Structures are given as structure tokens and as C-alpha cells.
N, C-alpha and C. Protein backbone atom coordinates (compact mmCIF):
# COMPACT_ATOMS: atom_id res chain seq x y z
N UNK A 1 -93.97 20.59 -8.65
CA UNK A 1 -93.57 21.88 -8.22
C UNK A 1 -94.60 22.83 -8.84
N UNK A 2 -94.91 23.99 -8.12
CA UNK A 2 -95.79 24.94 -8.44
C UNK A 2 -95.01 25.99 -9.24
N UNK A 3 -95.40 26.36 -10.37
CA UNK A 3 -94.77 27.32 -11.21
C UNK A 3 -94.68 28.89 -10.74
N UNK A 4 -95.36 29.26 -9.65
CA UNK A 4 -95.30 30.53 -9.20
C UNK A 4 -94.06 30.91 -8.64
N UNK A 5 -93.24 29.96 -8.34
CA UNK A 5 -92.00 30.39 -7.70
C UNK A 5 -90.87 30.93 -8.67
N UNK A 6 -91.35 30.88 -9.91
CA UNK A 6 -90.56 31.36 -11.04
C UNK A 6 -90.48 32.91 -11.12
N UNK A 7 -91.43 33.58 -10.40
CA UNK A 7 -91.47 35.09 -10.30
C UNK A 7 -90.94 35.55 -8.89
N UNK A 8 -90.64 34.72 -8.09
CA UNK A 8 -90.10 35.10 -6.86
C UNK A 8 -88.58 35.14 -6.75
N UNK A 9 -88.01 35.82 -5.79
CA UNK A 9 -86.53 35.95 -5.93
C UNK A 9 -85.84 34.64 -5.77
N UNK A 10 -84.55 34.43 -6.38
CA UNK A 10 -83.83 33.23 -6.28
C UNK A 10 -83.42 32.84 -4.90
N UNK A 11 -83.64 31.75 -4.51
CA UNK A 11 -83.18 31.36 -3.18
C UNK A 11 -81.69 30.86 -3.28
N UNK A 12 -80.94 31.61 -2.65
CA UNK A 12 -79.43 31.16 -2.68
C UNK A 12 -79.02 29.72 -2.10
N UNK A 13 -79.84 29.29 -1.38
CA UNK A 13 -79.49 28.01 -0.71
C UNK A 13 -80.01 26.91 -1.66
N UNK A 14 -80.62 27.22 -2.73
CA UNK A 14 -81.23 26.08 -3.68
C UNK A 14 -82.43 25.32 -3.12
N UNK A 15 -83.07 25.77 -2.16
CA UNK A 15 -84.27 25.20 -1.69
C UNK A 15 -85.29 25.25 -2.75
N UNK A 16 -86.34 24.13 -2.72
CA UNK A 16 -87.33 24.13 -3.59
C UNK A 16 -88.43 25.30 -3.31
N UNK A 17 -89.48 25.15 -4.04
CA UNK A 17 -90.47 26.09 -3.97
C UNK A 17 -91.25 25.94 -2.51
N UNK A 18 -91.28 24.82 -1.92
CA UNK A 18 -91.80 24.63 -0.58
C UNK A 18 -91.15 25.40 0.45
N UNK A 19 -89.89 25.69 0.12
CA UNK A 19 -89.11 26.54 1.09
C UNK A 19 -89.27 28.02 1.01
N UNK A 20 -89.70 28.37 -0.39
CA UNK A 20 -89.98 29.74 -0.67
C UNK A 20 -91.44 30.23 -0.12
N UNK A 21 -92.29 29.20 -0.51
CA UNK A 21 -93.74 29.52 -0.31
C UNK A 21 -94.25 28.50 0.80
N UNK A 22 -95.24 28.99 1.49
CA UNK A 22 -96.05 28.20 2.45
C UNK A 22 -97.10 27.49 1.59
N UNK A 23 -96.78 26.23 1.44
CA UNK A 23 -97.95 25.39 0.61
C UNK A 23 -98.59 24.39 1.45
N UNK A 24 -98.53 24.52 2.80
CA UNK A 24 -99.12 23.43 3.79
C UNK A 24 -100.54 23.25 3.46
N UNK A 25 -101.01 22.02 3.22
CA UNK A 25 -102.28 21.66 3.01
C UNK A 25 -102.77 22.03 1.55
N UNK A 26 -102.02 22.39 0.80
CA UNK A 26 -102.57 22.65 -0.61
C UNK A 26 -102.37 21.43 -1.41
N UNK A 27 -103.37 20.90 -2.10
CA UNK A 27 -103.19 19.73 -3.06
C UNK A 27 -102.73 20.03 -4.39
N UNK A 28 -102.04 19.29 -5.07
CA UNK A 28 -101.46 19.54 -6.37
C UNK A 28 -102.18 18.58 -7.32
N UNK A 29 -102.47 19.18 -8.56
CA UNK A 29 -102.29 20.32 -9.02
C UNK A 29 -103.32 21.41 -8.38
N UNK A 30 -102.79 22.56 -8.22
CA UNK A 30 -103.54 23.67 -7.40
C UNK A 30 -104.80 24.15 -8.35
N UNK A 31 -106.08 23.91 -7.79
CA UNK A 31 -107.09 24.37 -8.54
C UNK A 31 -107.34 25.96 -8.50
N UNK A 32 -108.07 26.54 -9.14
CA UNK A 32 -108.26 27.97 -9.14
C UNK A 32 -108.80 28.46 -7.79
N UNK A 33 -109.77 27.71 -7.32
CA UNK A 33 -110.30 27.98 -5.93
C UNK A 33 -109.36 27.85 -4.80
N UNK A 34 -108.22 27.12 -4.92
CA UNK A 34 -107.22 27.06 -3.89
C UNK A 34 -106.17 28.05 -3.92
N UNK A 35 -106.13 28.94 -4.98
CA UNK A 35 -105.17 29.83 -5.17
C UNK A 35 -105.51 30.96 -3.96
N UNK A 36 -106.72 31.16 -3.70
CA UNK A 36 -106.92 32.11 -2.42
C UNK A 36 -106.38 31.81 -1.32
N UNK A 37 -106.30 30.31 -1.02
CA UNK A 37 -105.56 29.95 0.15
C UNK A 37 -104.13 30.05 -0.03
N UNK A 38 -103.50 29.77 -1.18
CA UNK A 38 -102.14 30.04 -1.20
C UNK A 38 -101.67 31.52 -0.92
N UNK A 39 -102.49 32.39 -1.41
CA UNK A 39 -102.29 33.78 -1.21
C UNK A 39 -102.53 34.16 0.33
N UNK A 40 -103.43 33.58 0.89
CA UNK A 40 -103.73 33.92 2.53
C UNK A 40 -102.43 33.39 3.31
N UNK A 41 -101.76 32.29 2.78
CA UNK A 41 -100.70 31.70 3.52
C UNK A 41 -99.41 32.38 3.28
N UNK A 42 -99.39 33.22 2.18
CA UNK A 42 -98.13 33.81 1.72
C UNK A 42 -98.39 35.25 1.45
N UNK A 43 -98.11 36.16 2.42
CA UNK A 43 -98.65 37.52 2.44
C UNK A 43 -97.90 38.40 1.51
N UNK A 44 -96.83 37.99 0.86
CA UNK A 44 -96.09 38.78 -0.21
C UNK A 44 -96.39 38.67 -1.60
N UNK A 45 -97.27 37.74 -1.92
CA UNK A 45 -97.54 37.49 -3.24
C UNK A 45 -99.21 37.67 -3.49
N UNK A 46 -99.29 37.95 -4.69
CA UNK A 46 -100.76 38.00 -5.35
C UNK A 46 -100.59 37.19 -6.74
N UNK A 47 -101.78 36.44 -7.05
CA UNK A 47 -101.75 35.52 -8.14
C UNK A 47 -103.02 36.03 -8.95
N UNK A 48 -102.77 36.09 -10.22
CA UNK A 48 -103.81 36.51 -11.14
C UNK A 48 -103.92 35.28 -12.20
N UNK A 49 -105.01 34.91 -12.73
CA UNK A 49 -105.26 34.00 -13.57
C UNK A 49 -105.96 34.41 -14.85
N UNK A 50 -105.20 34.22 -16.03
CA UNK A 50 -105.86 34.69 -17.42
C UNK A 50 -106.21 33.29 -18.23
N UNK A 51 -107.07 33.58 -19.13
CA UNK A 51 -107.45 32.37 -20.02
C UNK A 51 -107.85 32.91 -21.35
N UNK A 52 -108.02 32.08 -22.29
CA UNK A 52 -108.71 32.32 -23.51
C UNK A 52 -110.07 31.84 -23.50
N UNK A 53 -111.08 32.32 -24.43
CA UNK A 53 -112.49 31.97 -24.38
C UNK A 53 -112.50 30.51 -24.98
N UNK A 54 -111.58 30.08 -25.86
CA UNK A 54 -111.53 28.80 -26.40
C UNK A 54 -110.30 28.40 -26.88
N UNK A 55 -110.02 27.14 -27.48
CA UNK A 55 -108.72 26.77 -27.91
C UNK A 55 -108.29 27.59 -29.06
N UNK A 56 -108.99 28.18 -29.96
CA UNK A 56 -108.61 28.72 -31.01
C UNK A 56 -108.56 30.40 -30.96
N UNK A 57 -108.91 30.76 -29.88
CA UNK A 57 -108.93 32.21 -29.51
C UNK A 57 -107.53 32.66 -28.96
N UNK A 58 -107.15 33.85 -29.44
CA UNK A 58 -105.90 34.51 -28.96
C UNK A 58 -106.28 35.56 -27.99
N UNK A 59 -107.47 35.88 -27.75
CA UNK A 59 -107.80 36.92 -26.89
C UNK A 59 -107.83 36.45 -25.48
N UNK A 60 -107.04 37.25 -24.58
CA UNK A 60 -106.84 36.83 -23.28
C UNK A 60 -107.88 37.57 -22.41
N UNK A 61 -108.43 36.78 -21.49
CA UNK A 61 -109.33 37.52 -20.54
C UNK A 61 -109.02 37.15 -19.09
N UNK A 62 -109.34 38.02 -18.14
CA UNK A 62 -108.96 37.66 -16.85
C UNK A 62 -110.19 36.75 -16.24
N UNK A 63 -109.67 35.61 -15.53
CA UNK A 63 -110.67 34.74 -15.00
C UNK A 63 -110.68 34.76 -13.41
N UNK A 64 -109.48 35.09 -12.87
CA UNK A 64 -109.30 35.18 -11.31
C UNK A 64 -108.32 36.22 -11.01
N UNK A 65 -108.70 37.39 -10.53
CA UNK A 65 -107.81 38.48 -10.13
C UNK A 65 -107.61 38.54 -8.77
N UNK A 66 -106.63 38.64 -8.28
CA UNK A 66 -106.32 38.75 -6.79
C UNK A 66 -106.82 40.27 -6.20
N UNK A 67 -107.33 40.22 -5.24
CA UNK A 67 -107.79 41.51 -4.46
C UNK A 67 -106.60 42.19 -3.85
N UNK A 68 -105.41 41.56 -3.96
CA UNK A 68 -104.25 42.10 -3.27
C UNK A 68 -103.30 42.59 -4.30
N UNK A 69 -103.62 43.58 -5.12
CA UNK A 69 -102.91 43.91 -6.35
C UNK A 69 -101.69 44.84 -5.90
N UNK A 70 -101.51 45.29 -4.65
CA UNK A 70 -100.32 45.96 -4.25
C UNK A 70 -99.13 45.19 -3.47
N UNK A 71 -99.47 44.01 -3.62
CA UNK A 71 -98.39 43.09 -2.99
C UNK A 71 -96.85 43.13 -3.67
N UNK A 72 -95.92 42.78 -2.96
CA UNK A 72 -94.47 42.88 -3.42
C UNK A 72 -94.33 42.06 -4.72
N UNK A 73 -94.85 40.88 -4.73
CA UNK A 73 -94.73 39.96 -6.04
C UNK A 73 -96.01 39.74 -6.61
N UNK A 74 -96.35 40.30 -7.74
CA UNK A 74 -97.59 40.10 -8.49
C UNK A 74 -97.29 39.00 -9.55
N UNK A 75 -97.97 37.86 -9.57
CA UNK A 75 -97.71 36.66 -10.41
C UNK A 75 -98.97 36.55 -11.31
N UNK A 76 -98.73 36.58 -12.57
CA UNK A 76 -99.68 36.32 -13.68
C UNK A 76 -99.49 35.09 -14.34
N UNK A 77 -100.65 34.23 -14.44
CA UNK A 77 -100.40 33.06 -14.94
C UNK A 77 -101.57 32.82 -16.00
N UNK A 78 -101.45 31.99 -17.07
CA UNK A 78 -102.11 31.69 -18.11
C UNK A 78 -102.65 30.25 -17.80
N UNK A 79 -104.10 30.09 -17.72
CA UNK A 79 -104.70 28.82 -17.51
C UNK A 79 -105.17 28.18 -18.74
N UNK A 80 -104.66 27.04 -19.13
CA UNK A 80 -104.92 26.31 -20.15
C UNK A 80 -105.65 25.00 -19.75
N UNK A 81 -106.76 24.65 -20.34
CA UNK A 81 -107.51 23.46 -20.01
C UNK A 81 -107.94 22.83 -21.28
N UNK A 82 -107.91 21.37 -21.11
CA UNK A 82 -108.51 20.61 -22.39
C UNK A 82 -109.30 19.49 -21.74
N UNK A 83 -110.52 19.47 -21.75
CA UNK A 83 -111.32 18.47 -21.07
C UNK A 83 -111.12 18.40 -19.64
N UNK A 84 -110.51 17.32 -19.00
CA UNK A 84 -110.33 17.29 -17.60
C UNK A 84 -109.08 17.86 -17.11
N UNK A 85 -107.99 17.92 -18.06
CA UNK A 85 -106.62 18.37 -17.70
C UNK A 85 -106.55 19.84 -17.78
N UNK A 86 -105.66 20.37 -17.00
CA UNK A 86 -105.32 21.86 -16.90
C UNK A 86 -103.95 22.21 -16.63
N UNK A 87 -103.48 23.19 -16.98
CA UNK A 87 -101.99 23.53 -16.67
C UNK A 87 -101.84 25.09 -16.64
N UNK A 88 -100.99 25.60 -15.86
CA UNK A 88 -100.66 26.94 -15.78
C UNK A 88 -99.37 27.29 -16.42
N UNK A 89 -99.27 28.46 -17.10
CA UNK A 89 -98.07 28.98 -17.58
C UNK A 89 -97.61 30.31 -17.06
N UNK A 90 -96.55 30.42 -16.61
CA UNK A 90 -96.14 31.83 -16.08
C UNK A 90 -96.09 32.97 -17.32
N UNK A 91 -96.81 34.07 -16.90
CA UNK A 91 -96.83 35.15 -17.90
C UNK A 91 -95.64 36.12 -17.43
N UNK A 92 -94.62 36.22 -18.21
CA UNK A 92 -93.52 37.07 -17.78
C UNK A 92 -93.77 38.53 -18.29
N UNK A 93 -94.55 38.84 -19.37
CA UNK A 93 -94.85 40.05 -19.86
C UNK A 93 -96.37 40.25 -20.31
N UNK A 94 -97.16 40.45 -19.49
CA UNK A 94 -98.52 40.55 -19.80
C UNK A 94 -98.93 41.61 -20.78
N UNK A 95 -98.20 42.67 -20.88
CA UNK A 95 -98.52 43.62 -21.97
C UNK A 95 -98.29 43.05 -23.33
N UNK A 96 -97.21 42.08 -23.46
CA UNK A 96 -97.06 41.57 -24.75
C UNK A 96 -98.11 40.51 -25.12
N UNK A 97 -98.62 39.89 -24.05
CA UNK A 97 -99.51 38.85 -24.32
C UNK A 97 -101.00 39.45 -24.68
N UNK A 98 -101.44 40.46 -24.09
CA UNK A 98 -102.70 41.02 -24.46
C UNK A 98 -102.58 41.91 -25.78
N UNK A 99 -101.37 42.26 -26.11
CA UNK A 99 -101.33 42.90 -27.47
C UNK A 99 -100.99 42.19 -28.69
N UNK A 100 -100.96 40.62 -28.29
CA UNK A 100 -100.78 39.87 -29.50
C UNK A 100 -101.83 40.15 -30.66
N UNK A 101 -101.33 40.23 -31.89
CA UNK A 101 -102.25 40.49 -32.88
C UNK A 101 -102.62 41.90 -33.27
N UNK A 102 -102.30 42.89 -32.29
CA UNK A 102 -102.49 44.21 -32.45
C UNK A 102 -101.34 45.05 -33.09
N UNK A 103 -101.66 46.13 -33.91
CA UNK A 103 -100.63 46.91 -34.29
C UNK A 103 -100.07 48.08 -33.42
N UNK A 104 -100.75 48.21 -32.35
CA UNK A 104 -100.35 49.16 -31.32
C UNK A 104 -99.01 48.76 -30.63
N UNK A 105 -98.07 49.63 -30.59
CA UNK A 105 -96.81 49.36 -29.90
C UNK A 105 -96.84 49.51 -28.46
N UNK A 106 -96.53 48.34 -27.61
CA UNK A 106 -96.28 48.24 -26.29
C UNK A 106 -94.83 48.42 -25.77
N UNK A 107 -94.60 49.43 -24.85
CA UNK A 107 -93.34 49.50 -24.31
C UNK A 107 -93.21 49.19 -22.78
N UNK A 108 -92.15 49.61 -22.30
CA UNK A 108 -91.80 49.05 -20.82
C UNK A 108 -92.58 50.04 -19.98
N UNK A 109 -93.03 51.28 -20.42
CA UNK A 109 -93.78 52.14 -19.56
C UNK A 109 -95.37 51.87 -19.53
N UNK A 110 -95.75 50.91 -20.22
CA UNK A 110 -97.11 50.50 -20.44
C UNK A 110 -97.61 50.10 -19.08
N UNK A 111 -98.68 50.49 -18.59
CA UNK A 111 -99.27 49.87 -17.28
C UNK A 111 -100.74 49.32 -17.62
N UNK A 112 -100.97 48.32 -16.87
CA UNK A 112 -102.20 47.50 -17.20
C UNK A 112 -103.07 47.27 -15.98
N UNK A 113 -104.26 47.48 -16.08
CA UNK A 113 -105.32 47.09 -15.06
C UNK A 113 -105.48 45.66 -15.30
N UNK A 114 -105.20 44.82 -14.43
CA UNK A 114 -105.34 43.30 -14.57
C UNK A 114 -106.88 42.89 -14.51
N UNK A 115 -107.61 43.78 -13.86
CA UNK A 115 -109.03 43.25 -13.71
C UNK A 115 -109.84 43.55 -15.01
N UNK A 116 -109.42 44.31 -15.90
CA UNK A 116 -110.19 44.69 -17.15
C UNK A 116 -109.36 44.72 -18.39
N UNK A 117 -108.04 44.67 -18.15
CA UNK A 117 -106.80 44.72 -19.20
C UNK A 117 -106.89 46.12 -19.91
N UNK A 118 -107.20 47.14 -19.17
CA UNK A 118 -107.16 48.48 -19.70
C UNK A 118 -105.55 48.93 -19.61
N UNK A 119 -105.15 49.60 -20.69
CA UNK A 119 -103.80 49.76 -20.93
C UNK A 119 -103.69 51.38 -20.85
N UNK A 120 -102.67 51.85 -20.21
CA UNK A 120 -102.33 53.35 -20.19
C UNK A 120 -100.82 53.55 -19.96
N UNK A 121 -100.26 54.74 -20.09
CA UNK A 121 -98.99 55.01 -19.96
C UNK A 121 -98.74 55.85 -18.73
N UNK A 122 -100.03 56.30 -18.00
CA UNK A 122 -99.86 57.17 -16.79
C UNK A 122 -100.11 56.45 -15.58
N UNK A 123 -99.31 56.55 -14.58
CA UNK A 123 -99.59 55.81 -13.30
C UNK A 123 -100.74 56.56 -12.58
N UNK A 124 -100.93 57.81 -12.78
CA UNK A 124 -102.17 58.56 -12.19
C UNK A 124 -103.43 58.07 -12.74
N UNK A 125 -103.42 58.03 -14.01
CA UNK A 125 -104.68 57.42 -14.81
C UNK A 125 -104.97 56.01 -14.34
N UNK A 126 -103.89 55.20 -14.26
CA UNK A 126 -104.29 53.79 -13.73
C UNK A 126 -104.68 53.78 -12.40
N UNK A 127 -104.16 54.41 -11.38
CA UNK A 127 -104.67 54.56 -10.05
C UNK A 127 -106.07 54.88 -10.00
N UNK A 128 -106.47 55.99 -10.72
CA UNK A 128 -107.81 56.48 -10.68
C UNK A 128 -108.66 55.34 -11.16
N UNK A 129 -108.30 54.68 -12.29
CA UNK A 129 -108.98 53.68 -12.95
C UNK A 129 -109.18 52.43 -12.10
N UNK A 130 -108.15 52.07 -11.33
CA UNK A 130 -108.21 50.98 -10.54
C UNK A 130 -109.20 51.01 -9.26
N UNK A 131 -109.31 52.20 -8.82
CA UNK A 131 -110.18 52.55 -7.65
C UNK A 131 -111.60 52.30 -8.02
N UNK A 132 -111.95 52.46 -9.24
CA UNK A 132 -113.25 52.15 -9.81
C UNK A 132 -113.41 50.84 -10.25
N UNK A 133 -112.43 50.42 -11.15
CA UNK A 133 -112.64 49.08 -11.65
C UNK A 133 -112.54 47.83 -10.64
N UNK A 134 -111.98 47.85 -9.69
CA UNK A 134 -111.86 46.69 -8.61
C UNK A 134 -113.15 46.61 -8.03
N UNK A 135 -114.08 47.40 -8.12
CA UNK A 135 -115.38 47.23 -7.67
C UNK A 135 -116.28 46.32 -8.41
N UNK A 136 -115.80 46.01 -9.46
CA UNK A 136 -116.44 45.04 -10.57
C UNK A 136 -115.66 43.73 -10.70
N UNK A 137 -116.49 42.79 -11.22
CA UNK A 137 -115.82 41.51 -11.40
C UNK A 137 -114.77 41.59 -12.58
N UNK A 138 -113.78 40.64 -12.68
CA UNK A 138 -112.93 40.69 -13.82
C UNK A 138 -113.44 40.51 -15.09
N UNK A 139 -113.07 41.36 -16.06
CA UNK A 139 -113.71 41.24 -17.40
C UNK A 139 -112.90 41.87 -18.50
N UNK A 140 -113.03 41.62 -19.60
CA UNK A 140 -112.32 42.21 -20.78
C UNK A 140 -113.18 43.03 -21.61
N UNK A 141 -112.96 44.21 -21.85
CA UNK A 141 -113.76 45.13 -22.57
C UNK A 141 -113.32 45.11 -24.08
N UNK A 142 -114.41 44.79 -24.91
CA UNK A 142 -114.03 44.82 -26.36
C UNK A 142 -114.73 45.84 -26.94
N UNK A 143 -113.83 46.72 -27.59
CA UNK A 143 -114.45 47.93 -28.38
C UNK A 143 -114.69 47.42 -29.78
N UNK A 144 -115.95 47.66 -30.39
CA UNK A 144 -116.10 47.22 -31.89
C UNK A 144 -115.10 47.97 -32.79
N UNK A 145 -114.80 47.27 -33.96
CA UNK A 145 -113.66 47.68 -34.85
C UNK A 145 -114.43 48.93 -35.38
N UNK A 146 -115.64 49.07 -35.94
CA UNK A 146 -116.16 50.20 -36.57
C UNK A 146 -116.64 51.19 -35.48
N UNK A 147 -115.93 52.43 -35.67
CA UNK A 147 -116.29 53.52 -34.49
C UNK A 147 -117.59 54.29 -34.87
N UNK A 148 -118.52 53.51 -35.44
CA UNK A 148 -119.98 54.29 -35.68
C UNK A 148 -120.93 53.83 -34.69
N UNK A 149 -121.45 54.61 -34.01
CA UNK A 149 -122.62 54.49 -33.24
C UNK A 149 -123.81 54.88 -33.67
N UNK A 150 -124.78 53.85 -33.67
CA UNK A 150 -126.12 54.09 -34.48
C UNK A 150 -127.20 53.84 -33.54
N UNK A 151 -128.16 54.66 -33.55
CA UNK A 151 -129.50 54.38 -32.76
C UNK A 151 -130.52 53.72 -33.74
N UNK A 152 -130.88 52.54 -33.47
CA UNK A 152 -131.79 51.78 -34.38
C UNK A 152 -133.30 51.69 -33.97
N UNK A 153 -133.54 51.75 -32.64
CA UNK A 153 -134.82 51.63 -32.15
C UNK A 153 -135.53 52.98 -31.93
N UNK A 154 -135.87 53.58 -33.19
CA UNK A 154 -136.67 54.88 -33.02
C UNK A 154 -137.87 54.98 -32.31
N UNK A 155 -138.45 53.78 -32.35
CA UNK A 155 -139.89 53.65 -31.64
C UNK A 155 -139.84 53.74 -30.13
N UNK A 156 -138.56 53.67 -29.62
CA UNK A 156 -138.35 53.66 -28.07
C UNK A 156 -138.10 55.13 -27.63
N UNK A 157 -137.97 56.13 -28.58
CA UNK A 157 -137.62 57.48 -28.29
C UNK A 157 -138.80 57.95 -27.44
N UNK A 158 -138.47 59.04 -26.33
CA UNK A 158 -139.56 59.74 -25.70
C UNK A 158 -140.03 60.87 -26.41
N UNK A 159 -141.30 61.27 -26.50
CA UNK A 159 -141.73 62.42 -27.03
C UNK A 159 -141.26 63.68 -26.13
N UNK A 160 -140.95 64.72 -26.88
CA UNK A 160 -140.51 65.89 -26.36
C UNK A 160 -141.69 66.58 -25.66
N UNK A 161 -141.74 67.25 -24.49
CA UNK A 161 -142.77 67.84 -23.89
C UNK A 161 -143.25 69.15 -24.64
N UNK A 162 -142.21 69.77 -25.22
CA UNK A 162 -142.47 71.12 -26.16
C UNK A 162 -141.29 71.19 -27.19
N UNK A 163 -141.70 71.90 -28.12
CA UNK A 163 -140.78 72.06 -29.31
C UNK A 163 -140.70 73.58 -29.60
N UNK A 164 -139.40 74.06 -29.60
CA UNK A 164 -139.18 75.55 -29.59
C UNK A 164 -138.39 75.79 -30.95
N UNK A 165 -138.93 76.76 -31.65
CA UNK A 165 -138.24 77.19 -32.67
C UNK A 165 -137.98 78.80 -32.61
N UNK A 166 -136.55 79.07 -32.75
CA UNK A 166 -136.49 80.57 -32.64
C UNK A 166 -135.74 80.98 -33.86
N UNK A 167 -136.19 82.08 -34.43
CA UNK A 167 -135.60 82.74 -35.67
C UNK A 167 -135.29 84.08 -35.44
N UNK A 168 -133.92 84.28 -35.63
CA UNK A 168 -133.38 85.60 -35.35
C UNK A 168 -133.08 86.34 -36.44
């Protein structure tokens, strides 16, 4: 069974995932490249895939983000792979996952851009950000821990065309 049904409404008839989603012609386990086909056949879902850089890393980064971010059901999944084997895990609270190891507090009003994992509290700020961000490929922005910006390559500076000193 495909785990994406976990985020879809419960089916009162007790039918399986194949009754909720159209998965005709999809081979299991579903590869990342086939997720685009699943989205095309099911117009009310969008599927985003996140992963870590390696086994020991806790930093999450987007590897496949749906271009349909305004659909009724947005499903976030964690892709775990080891050698030839892979598995998807449903992410129920993306904000908590990307905040792992951070001292910042995340609450229910936290909004996230899934394309770059930008976090904000304001819907208008997120909407403005998404208009620009989705023109780029999925990425995770990492800000250096020390907030000191230094210019090291002084030999690359351009000479000034003139130098003015005013003494009043």
C-alpha cells in the first residue's frame, strides 16, 4: 500500500488506498520520478519529498517539490534510502521536523515554504516569498552560525575614479 493515503480523508466504506487514489499503471514501490504521474492522475493531491544529506545528518532538505502547492491535500514525505533499498515516511508536522535541534520555538501559526524551508508567521510574507522562490529549484538555505561578514579578497577591489575629501 502507498503511504500517501494517510493524509487523505478517511473512507467510510473501508476501501483501500486504490479506492481513494487512482494508481493505475503505477509500479510499487513508487519511485520519485513516478510521483509526478500519481499527481497527474489525482488532481486533489500534491506530494513533496524531503530527505537528509546522509545517514548521520538531521538536517532536512527538499529533493522533490510539487508545482501544485495549492491543492486540497498537500502530502509531505521523508525519503530514506540505504544502498538499493528505499522507504517513504509520512511527515505529519513539517515544522517540527525542520526545527529539530533548534532552540527556536515553532507553533501552529508557523508557515513554511516547502521549496526552500523558509519559515514565517505571516501569510502575506509567505505568499510574496513563494512567488519568487518557486522560480528556483528546491533547496535548503543554510545561514552561517557566526553573523560576521568579511571581505577577504582586497586585491579584487576596483579602484575609485576619484577621491573627494571635504573639510567643513
